Amino acid sequence: MMGETAMTGLRIVLDGPPGAESGRFVEVEDGSGRSVDAGEWHERDDGLWELCLRTTSVWPLVVASSVALVAYLTLYFGLPG
């Protein structure tokens, strides 16, 4: 698989790379590529949407991959680090 890594934990799947017209969210997968029911979507007061992760189901995976996830999302969404 192109771009395959040895990373375990959660994978946030998008349909395109970061850029001026970034990809859209597809799903959250575990390390073997299976879809994970990781949380619930909520519309925020500012008009944005957020995926609220269920800590009971995914917390160990989030902790294991949190540094990589934050770095990726910071790059992907252009957030201040």
C-alpha atoms as a PDB file:
ATOM      1  CA  MET A   1       0.000   0.000   0.000  1.00  0.00           C
ATOM      2  CA  MET A   2       1.379   3.402  -0.952  1.00  0.00           C
ATOM      3  CA  GLY A   3       2.252   5.524   2.057  1.00  0.00           C
ATOM      4  CA  GLU A   4       1.970   2.550   4.407  1.00  0.00           C
ATOM      5  CA  THR A   5       3.591   3.069   7.784  1.00  0.00           C
ATOM      6  CA  ALA A   6       4.275   0.922  10.807  1.00  0.00           C
ATOM      7  CA  MET A   7       2.197   3.301  12.946  1.00  0.00           C
ATOM      8  CA  THR A   8      -0.312   1.676  15.248  1.00  0.00           C
ATOM      9  CA  GLY A   9      -3.245   3.407  16.840  1.00  0.00           C
ATOM     10  CA  LEU A  10      -5.862   5.589  15.233  1.00  0.00           C
ATOM     11  CA  ARG A  11      -5.666   6.745  11.636  1.00  0.00           C
ATOM     12  CA  ILE A  12      -7.654   9.764  10.517  1.00  0.00           C
ATOM     13  CA  VAL A  13      -8.528   9.045   6.865  1.00  0.00           C
ATOM     14  CA  LEU A  14      -9.021  11.922   4.409  1.00  0.00           C
ATOM     15  CA  ASP A  15      -9.707  11.878   0.675  1.00  0.00           C
ATOM     16  CA  GLY A  16      -6.793  14.163  -0.182  1.00  0.00           C
ATOM     17  CA  PRO A  17      -3.566  15.692   1.109  1.00  0.00           C
ATOM     18  CA  PRO A  18      -3.085  18.994   2.932  1.00  0.00           C
ATOM     19  CA  GLY A  19      -3.168  22.030   0.685  1.00  0.00           C
ATOM     20  CA  ALA A  20      -5.171  25.001  -0.502  1.00  0.00           C
ATOM     21  CA  GLU A  21      -8.088  22.644  -1.187  1.00  0.00           C
ATOM     22  CA  SER A  22      -7.557  20.087   1.537  1.00  0.00           C
ATOM     23  CA  GLY A  23      -9.121  16.652   1.541  1.00  0.00           C
ATOM     24  CA  ARG A  24     -12.302  15.892   3.434  1.00  0.00           C
ATOM     25  CA  PHE A  25     -12.726  13.555   6.380  1.00  0.00           C
ATOM     26  CA  VAL A  26     -13.574   9.965   5.417  1.00  0.00           C
ATOM     27  CA  GLU A  27     -13.324   7.907   8.617  1.00  0.00           C
ATOM     28  CA  VAL A  28     -11.264   6.879  11.631  1.00  0.00           C
ATOM     29  CA  GLU A  29      -9.503   3.501  11.331  1.00  0.00           C
ATOM     30  CA  ASP A  30      -7.500   1.305  13.648  1.00  0.00           C
ATOM     31  CA  GLY A  31      -3.975   0.131  12.794  1.00  0.00           C
ATOM     32  CA  SER A  32      -5.308  -2.720  10.631  1.00  0.00           C
ATOM     33  CA  GLY A  33      -7.561  -0.487   8.529  1.00  0.00           C
ATOM     34  CA  ARG A  34     -10.871  -1.361  10.188  1.00  0.00           C
ATOM     35  CA  SER A  35     -13.349   1.462  10.692  1.00  0.00           C
ATOM     36  CA  VAL A  36     -13.586   2.632  14.304  1.00  0.00           C
ATOM     37  CA  ASP A  37     -16.682   4.137  15.900  1.00  0.00           C
ATOM     38  CA  ALA A  38     -14.489   6.673  17.692  1.00  0.00           C
ATOM     39  CA  GLY A  39     -17.016   9.271  18.775  1.00  0.00           C
ATOM     40  CA  GLU A  40     -19.823  11.598  17.847  1.00  0.00           C
ATOM     41  CA  TRP A  41     -20.039  14.636  15.591  1.00  0.00           C
ATOM     42  CA  HIS A  42     -21.296  17.888  17.117  1.00  0.00           C
ATOM     43  CA  GLU A  43     -21.959  21.246  15.482  1.00  0.00           C
ATOM     44  CA  ARG A  44     -20.269  24.038  17.405  1.00  0.00           C
ATOM     45  CA  ASP A  45     -21.624  27.519  18.112  1.00  0.00           C
ATOM     46  CA  ASP A  46     -19.017  28.985  15.734  1.00  0.00           C
ATOM     47  CA  GLY A  47     -20.410  26.995  12.764  1.00  0.00           C
ATOM     48  CA  LEU A  48     -17.601  24.436  12.700  1.00  0.00           C
ATOM     49  CA  TRP A  49     -17.996  20.731  13.407  1.00  0.00           C
ATOM     50  CA  GLU A  50     -15.971  18.603  15.800  1.00  0.00           C
ATOM     51  CA  LEU A  51     -15.522  14.878  16.292  1.00  0.00           C
ATOM     52  CA  CYS A  52     -15.726  14.244  20.027  1.00  0.00           C
ATOM     53  CA  LEU A  53     -13.757  11.091  20.756  1.00  0.00           C
ATOM     54  CA  ARG A  54     -15.134   8.651  23.312  1.00  0.00           C
ATOM     55  CA  THR A  55     -12.359   8.292  25.849  1.00  0.00           C
ATOM     56  CA  THR A  56     -13.567   4.882  27.025  1.00  0.00           C
ATOM     57  CA  SER A  57     -13.247   3.313  23.569  1.00  0.00           C
ATOM     58  CA  VAL A  58     -10.231   5.041  22.077  1.00  0.00           C
ATOM     59  CA  TRP A  59      -8.249   6.699  24.861  1.00  0.00           C
ATOM     60  CA  PRO A  60      -5.384   4.147  24.908  1.00  0.00           C
ATOM     61  CA  LEU A  61      -4.988   4.559  21.141  1.00  0.00           C
ATOM     62  CA  VAL A  62      -5.189   8.344  21.360  1.00  0.00           C
ATOM     63  CA  VAL A  63      -2.517   8.476  24.047  1.00  0.00           C
ATOM     64  CA  ALA A  64      -0.253   6.169  22.023  1.00  0.00           C
ATOM     65  CA  SER A  65      -0.495   8.308  18.897  1.00  0.00           C
ATOM     66  CA  SER A  66      -1.333  11.771  20.267  1.00  0.00           C
ATOM     67  CA  VAL A  67       1.949  13.471  19.371  1.00  0.00           C
ATOM     68  CA  ALA A  68       1.788  12.261  15.770  1.00  0.00           C
ATOM     69  CA  LEU A  69      -1.904  13.121  15.499  1.00  0.00           C
ATOM     70  CA  VAL A  70      -1.445  16.659  16.816  1.00  0.00           C
ATOM     71  CA  ALA A  71       1.526  17.220  14.503  1.00  0.00           C
ATOM     72  CA  TYR A  72      -0.436  15.951  11.498  1.00  0.00           C
ATOM     73  CA  LEU A  73      -3.572  17.950  12.254  1.00  0.00           C
ATOM     74  CA  THR A  74      -1.479  21.061  12.886  1.00  0.00           C
ATOM     75  CA  LEU A  75       0.122  20.632   9.469  1.00  0.00           C
ATOM     76  CA  TYR A  76      -3.110  19.604   7.753  1.00  0.00           C
ATOM     77  CA  PHE A  77      -5.292  22.404   9.057  1.00  0.00           C
ATOM     78  CA  GLY A  78      -2.526  25.009   9.335  1.00  0.00           C
ATOM     79  CA  LEU A  79      -3.098  25.457  13.049  1.00  0.00           C
ATOM     80  CA  PRO A  80      -0.531  27.203  15.216  1.00  0.00           C
ATOM     81  CA  GLY A  81       1.708  24.648  16.930  1.00  0.00           C
END
